Amino acid sequence: MELNEEKIGVSALRDEGASLNIFSVHFSAGSHNKPSLSAWPSHIVPLGQRVELQCDSHINYYTFKLYKEHGNPIPQIQGRPLQKKFALNPVTSAHAGTYRCHGFDSHYPFKILAISDPVEIIISGLYKKPSLSALMGPVVMSGENMTLSCVSALQFDMFHLSREGVPKGHGLPSVLSHNGTFQANFHLDPVVQAGNYRCYGSFRNSSQLWSTPSDSLYLPVI
């Protein structure tokens, strides 16, 4: 049992306004017993669009409950039973945050058996898009490195790179360039993957609210 999971479960129940003495928190040994939580079609969601959160497990839990950690809870989902899936539609900036799924016992509906790993929902489209370019040309030879530069006139604190809609790494801090713009250079090595790349900007005090993505940059590897 991981101590931080128990704290999260208790905190979530407290946020819901429940009386803690009616709940029992019990975690089965082994991470294979955890429910899983996924976001479809992606956990980067454009403002006003739809995302579906799905809890799943090979164990037949009595029910699942979904919790948003920290920040403002979402009344439609916070601690309410759900049948594996819940759609957030349309998303707003309030939906950005970290979510976990709780699995409850089939015989004791107030006993939490396990808590999923977190899923971060990022809302994009809040600010003007940056631009993305390849510094070493539009084609990558197999085995070569590549640097992608994300640039914006806005003073973002961080830039983020994605490939085929999936973030790569944890982002890079923004640096003021000689021409007055702000940028970050992403070094793709040692193996560059072909695909469509985009970048985003964000601010430090709202790290899960991202800009509109840059135009897509396709990198072929030959």
Foldseek 3Di string as FASTA:
>chain_A
DDPVFVVQVVVLCVVVVDDVVLAAEAEDPDPLQAWAKDKPPALAAEAQAKIKIFTGHPDDFLFKAKWFPDDDTDVVGRGDTDDGMDMDGRDHLSPFGKMKMWGAHNVRRRYTHHIYDIDTRAYEAPAAEWAKDWPPDQEAEWQDKTKIKTKDLDQFQWKWKDFPRHTDPDTDGWDQDPVGIIMDIDIDDDGDDWGWMWMWGHHPVRSRYTYHIHPIRTYYYD
